[in-house]
Each structure stands twice: as C-alpha cells, then as structure tokens.
N, C-alpha and C. Protein backbone atom coordinates (compact mmCIF):
# COMPACT_ATOMS: atom_id res chain seq x y z
N MET A 1 0.85 -1.18 0.00
CA MET A 1 0.00 0.00 0.00
C MET A 1 0.89 1.24 0.00
N LEU A 2 0.51 2.21 -0.79
CA LEU A 2 1.29 3.42 -0.90
C LEU A 2 0.99 4.37 0.25
N SER A 3 2.03 5.06 0.69
CA SER A 3 1.85 6.09 1.71
C SER A 3 1.20 7.32 1.08
N TYR A 4 0.77 8.24 1.91
CA TYR A 4 0.18 9.47 1.40
C TYR A 4 1.16 10.19 0.48
N HIS A 5 2.41 10.28 0.90
CA HIS A 5 3.44 10.96 0.10
C HIS A 5 3.63 10.27 -1.25
N GLU A 6 3.66 8.96 -1.25
CA GLU A 6 3.83 8.21 -2.50
C GLU A 6 2.63 8.39 -3.42
N LYS A 7 1.44 8.44 -2.86
CA LYS A 7 0.25 8.68 -3.68
C LYS A 7 0.33 10.05 -4.33
N ARG A 8 0.80 11.03 -3.60
CA ARG A 8 0.96 12.39 -4.15
C ARG A 8 2.03 12.39 -5.25
N GLU A 9 3.12 11.70 -5.01
CA GLU A 9 4.17 11.59 -6.03
C GLU A 9 3.62 10.98 -7.31
N LEU A 10 2.88 9.90 -7.16
CA LEU A 10 2.29 9.22 -8.31
C LEU A 10 1.33 10.14 -9.06
N GLN A 11 0.56 10.88 -8.33
CA GLN A 11 -0.39 11.82 -8.92
C GLN A 11 0.34 12.93 -9.68
N ASP A 12 1.47 13.39 -9.16
CA ASP A 12 2.21 14.51 -9.76
C ASP A 12 3.16 14.09 -10.89
N LEU A 13 3.49 12.81 -10.97
CA LEU A 13 4.49 12.35 -11.93
C LEU A 13 4.17 12.66 -13.39
N PRO A 14 2.96 12.50 -13.86
CA PRO A 14 2.71 12.83 -15.27
C PRO A 14 3.07 14.28 -15.62
N ALA A 15 2.77 15.20 -14.74
CA ALA A 15 3.11 16.61 -14.99
C ALA A 15 4.62 16.82 -14.94
N VAL A 16 5.28 16.16 -14.01
CA VAL A 16 6.74 16.26 -13.91
C VAL A 16 7.39 15.72 -15.18
N ILE A 17 6.94 14.57 -15.62
CA ILE A 17 7.49 13.95 -16.83
C ILE A 17 7.22 14.83 -18.05
N GLU A 18 6.04 15.39 -18.12
CA GLU A 18 5.70 16.27 -19.24
C GLU A 18 6.64 17.48 -19.30
N LYS A 19 6.92 18.07 -18.15
CA LYS A 19 7.84 19.22 -18.10
C LYS A 19 9.25 18.81 -18.51
N LEU A 20 9.70 17.66 -18.03
CA LEU A 20 11.04 17.19 -18.38
C LEU A 20 11.14 16.89 -19.87
N GLU A 21 10.10 16.28 -20.43
CA GLU A 21 10.12 15.99 -21.85
C GLU A 21 10.11 17.28 -22.68
N ALA A 22 9.39 18.29 -22.21
CA ALA A 22 9.38 19.58 -22.90
C ALA A 22 10.77 20.22 -22.85
N ARG A 23 11.44 20.13 -21.69
CA ARG A 23 12.81 20.65 -21.58
C ARG A 23 13.75 19.91 -22.51
N GLN A 24 13.59 18.59 -22.56
CA GLN A 24 14.42 17.78 -23.43
C GLN A 24 14.19 18.18 -24.90
N ASP A 25 12.94 18.33 -25.29
CA ASP A 25 12.63 18.73 -26.66
C ASP A 25 13.23 20.09 -26.99
N LYS A 26 13.14 21.01 -26.05
CA LYS A 26 13.68 22.36 -26.27
C LYS A 26 15.20 22.32 -26.47
N ILE A 27 15.87 21.54 -25.65
CA ILE A 27 17.33 21.41 -25.77
C ILE A 27 17.69 20.75 -27.10
N MET A 28 16.96 19.69 -27.45
CA MET A 28 17.27 18.98 -28.69
C MET A 28 16.99 19.86 -29.91
N GLU A 29 15.95 20.67 -29.83
CA GLU A 29 15.65 21.61 -30.91
C GLU A 29 16.80 22.62 -31.05
N ARG A 30 17.26 23.10 -29.94
CA ARG A 30 18.40 24.05 -29.94
C ARG A 30 19.63 23.41 -30.57
N MET A 31 19.87 22.16 -30.20
CA MET A 31 21.06 21.47 -30.72
C MET A 31 20.93 21.11 -32.20
N SER A 32 19.70 21.06 -32.70
CA SER A 32 19.51 20.69 -34.11
C SER A 32 19.74 21.86 -35.06
N GLN A 33 19.88 23.05 -34.51
CA GLN A 33 20.13 24.22 -35.34
C GLN A 33 21.56 24.19 -35.86
N PRO A 34 21.77 24.49 -37.15
CA PRO A 34 23.11 24.43 -37.73
C PRO A 34 24.13 25.31 -37.00
N GLU A 35 23.70 26.45 -36.52
CA GLU A 35 24.64 27.36 -35.86
C GLU A 35 25.04 26.89 -34.46
N PHE A 36 24.30 25.93 -33.93
CA PHE A 36 24.60 25.47 -32.56
C PHE A 36 26.05 25.01 -32.43
N PHE A 37 26.52 24.21 -33.35
CA PHE A 37 27.87 23.65 -33.24
C PHE A 37 28.95 24.61 -33.71
N ARG A 38 28.55 25.80 -34.08
CA ARG A 38 29.52 26.84 -34.41
C ARG A 38 29.94 27.62 -33.17
N GLN A 39 29.27 27.36 -32.07
CA GLN A 39 29.62 27.99 -30.80
C GLN A 39 30.94 27.41 -30.29
N ASN A 40 31.48 28.07 -29.27
CA ASN A 40 32.70 27.50 -28.69
C ASN A 40 32.37 26.19 -28.00
N ARG A 41 33.37 25.37 -27.87
CA ARG A 41 33.18 24.01 -27.33
C ARG A 41 32.60 24.01 -25.93
N GLN A 42 32.99 24.96 -25.12
CA GLN A 42 32.49 25.01 -23.74
C GLN A 42 30.96 25.20 -23.71
N ALA A 43 30.44 26.05 -24.58
CA ALA A 43 29.00 26.27 -24.65
C ALA A 43 28.27 25.01 -25.12
N VAL A 44 28.83 24.34 -26.11
CA VAL A 44 28.23 23.09 -26.61
C VAL A 44 28.25 22.03 -25.52
N ASP A 45 29.37 21.89 -24.84
CA ASP A 45 29.47 20.89 -23.77
C ASP A 45 28.49 21.18 -22.63
N GLN A 46 28.28 22.45 -22.35
CA GLN A 46 27.34 22.82 -21.28
C GLN A 46 25.92 22.39 -21.64
N VAL A 47 25.53 22.61 -22.89
CA VAL A 47 24.18 22.23 -23.32
C VAL A 47 24.05 20.70 -23.35
N ARG A 48 25.09 20.03 -23.79
CA ARG A 48 25.07 18.56 -23.78
C ARG A 48 24.92 18.04 -22.36
N ALA A 49 25.59 18.68 -21.42
CA ALA A 49 25.48 18.27 -20.01
C ALA A 49 24.05 18.49 -19.51
N GLN A 50 23.42 19.59 -19.93
CA GLN A 50 22.04 19.84 -19.56
C GLN A 50 21.13 18.75 -20.11
N LEU A 51 21.37 18.37 -21.36
CA LEU A 51 20.57 17.31 -21.97
C LEU A 51 20.76 15.99 -21.22
N ASP A 52 21.98 15.66 -20.88
CA ASP A 52 22.24 14.43 -20.13
C ASP A 52 21.54 14.46 -18.77
N ALA A 53 21.55 15.62 -18.11
CA ALA A 53 20.90 15.73 -16.80
C ALA A 53 19.39 15.53 -16.93
N VAL A 54 18.79 16.12 -17.97
CA VAL A 54 17.35 15.96 -18.18
C VAL A 54 17.02 14.50 -18.48
N LYS A 55 17.85 13.86 -19.29
CA LYS A 55 17.63 12.44 -19.58
C LYS A 55 17.69 11.60 -18.31
N ASP A 56 18.65 11.90 -17.44
CA ASP A 56 18.77 11.18 -16.17
C ASP A 56 17.53 11.41 -15.29
N GLU A 57 17.07 12.65 -15.24
CA GLU A 57 15.87 12.96 -14.46
C GLU A 57 14.65 12.24 -15.02
N LEU A 58 14.55 12.19 -16.33
CA LEU A 58 13.43 11.47 -16.96
C LEU A 58 13.46 9.98 -16.63
N LEU A 59 14.64 9.41 -16.74
CA LEU A 59 14.78 7.99 -16.42
C LEU A 59 14.37 7.73 -14.97
N ALA A 60 14.83 8.57 -14.06
CA ALA A 60 14.48 8.41 -12.65
C ALA A 60 12.97 8.56 -12.44
N ALA A 61 12.35 9.50 -13.14
CA ALA A 61 10.91 9.72 -13.01
C ALA A 61 10.14 8.51 -13.53
N TYR A 62 10.56 7.97 -14.67
CA TYR A 62 9.89 6.78 -15.21
C TYR A 62 10.08 5.57 -14.29
N GLN A 63 11.26 5.44 -13.70
CA GLN A 63 11.50 4.33 -12.78
C GLN A 63 10.64 4.47 -11.53
N LEU A 64 10.53 5.70 -11.03
CA LEU A 64 9.69 5.94 -9.86
C LEU A 64 8.23 5.63 -10.18
N TRP A 65 7.79 6.04 -11.35
CA TRP A 65 6.41 5.78 -11.76
C TRP A 65 6.15 4.28 -11.81
N GLU A 66 7.08 3.55 -12.41
CA GLU A 66 6.92 2.10 -12.48
C GLU A 66 6.88 1.50 -11.09
N TYR A 67 7.75 1.95 -10.21
CA TYR A 67 7.77 1.45 -8.83
C TYR A 67 6.45 1.73 -8.12
N LEU A 68 5.95 2.96 -8.27
CA LEU A 68 4.71 3.33 -7.57
C LEU A 68 3.49 2.65 -8.17
N GLU A 69 3.51 2.39 -9.45
CA GLU A 69 2.39 1.70 -10.10
C GLU A 69 2.37 0.22 -9.74
N ASN A 70 3.51 -0.34 -9.45
CA ASN A 70 3.63 -1.77 -9.16
C ASN A 70 4.40 -1.98 -7.87
N PRO A 71 3.86 -1.51 -6.76
CA PRO A 71 4.61 -1.62 -5.50
C PRO A 71 4.79 -3.07 -5.06
N ILE A 72 5.91 -3.33 -4.49
CA ILE A 72 6.18 -4.64 -3.92
C ILE A 72 5.68 -4.60 -2.48
N PRO A 73 4.88 -5.56 -2.07
CA PRO A 73 4.36 -5.53 -0.70
C PRO A 73 5.49 -5.38 0.32
N GLY A 74 5.32 -4.41 1.22
CA GLY A 74 6.32 -4.16 2.25
C GLY A 74 7.43 -3.24 1.81
N ALA A 75 7.58 -2.97 0.51
CA ALA A 75 8.66 -2.13 0.01
C ALA A 75 8.41 -0.66 0.27
N SER A 76 7.16 -0.28 0.39
CA SER A 76 6.82 1.13 0.60
C SER A 76 7.46 1.67 1.87
N SER A 77 7.32 0.96 2.96
CA SER A 77 7.89 1.43 4.21
C SER A 77 9.42 1.39 4.16
N GLU A 78 9.98 0.44 3.47
CA GLU A 78 11.44 0.36 3.29
C GLU A 78 11.93 1.58 2.52
N ARG A 79 11.23 1.97 1.47
CA ARG A 79 11.62 3.13 0.67
C ARG A 79 11.61 4.39 1.53
N ASN A 80 10.61 4.51 2.38
CA ASN A 80 10.53 5.70 3.23
C ASN A 80 11.68 5.75 4.23
N ARG A 81 12.15 4.60 4.70
CA ARG A 81 13.26 4.58 5.64
C ARG A 81 14.57 4.99 4.99
N GLN A 82 14.67 4.77 3.68
CA GLN A 82 15.91 5.10 2.97
C GLN A 82 16.06 6.60 2.73
N ARG A 83 15.03 7.36 2.85
CA ARG A 83 15.06 8.80 2.60
C ARG A 83 15.81 9.53 3.64
C-alpha cells in the first residue's frame, strides 16, 4: 500500500514527466540548429550536459512511476526509511 506521500508523487508524476520531456525537446531543438555547433566548445558541452541531466531525471521519473504503479508488498515502508 502506498503512503500518502507516495500517492501524491504518483499523482504529480505525469506533470513532472511532461515538463522534463518539454525541456528535453527544447534542448534537442536548440542542438539541431546548424549554428549550434559553431559555438565555442564550452557552450556546446554545457548544453550537452544539460541534456544528459534531463535524460537522467526522466529515467528516474519513469522508474519511480513504475515502482509506484507496481509496489512490492512491504517495500513502501522500506523506501521511506531510505530517505
């Protein structure tokens, strides 16, 4: 059974994922412009790092969603203790 906090997380996840996907799309659109790679390397690397961070956040959000949608009995309280 999910805790109150976990239920709220599950309820909020679609909006969180939507925002992350929009950020990812915006970054990828920026990177698809021909002039993007004409910038200095440091600027390009910074945007790539932002994209990697968003991808990591998305993966974590999808994993959390899967966990909350399919909780393992007794795992909910264990997860709360790890926080």
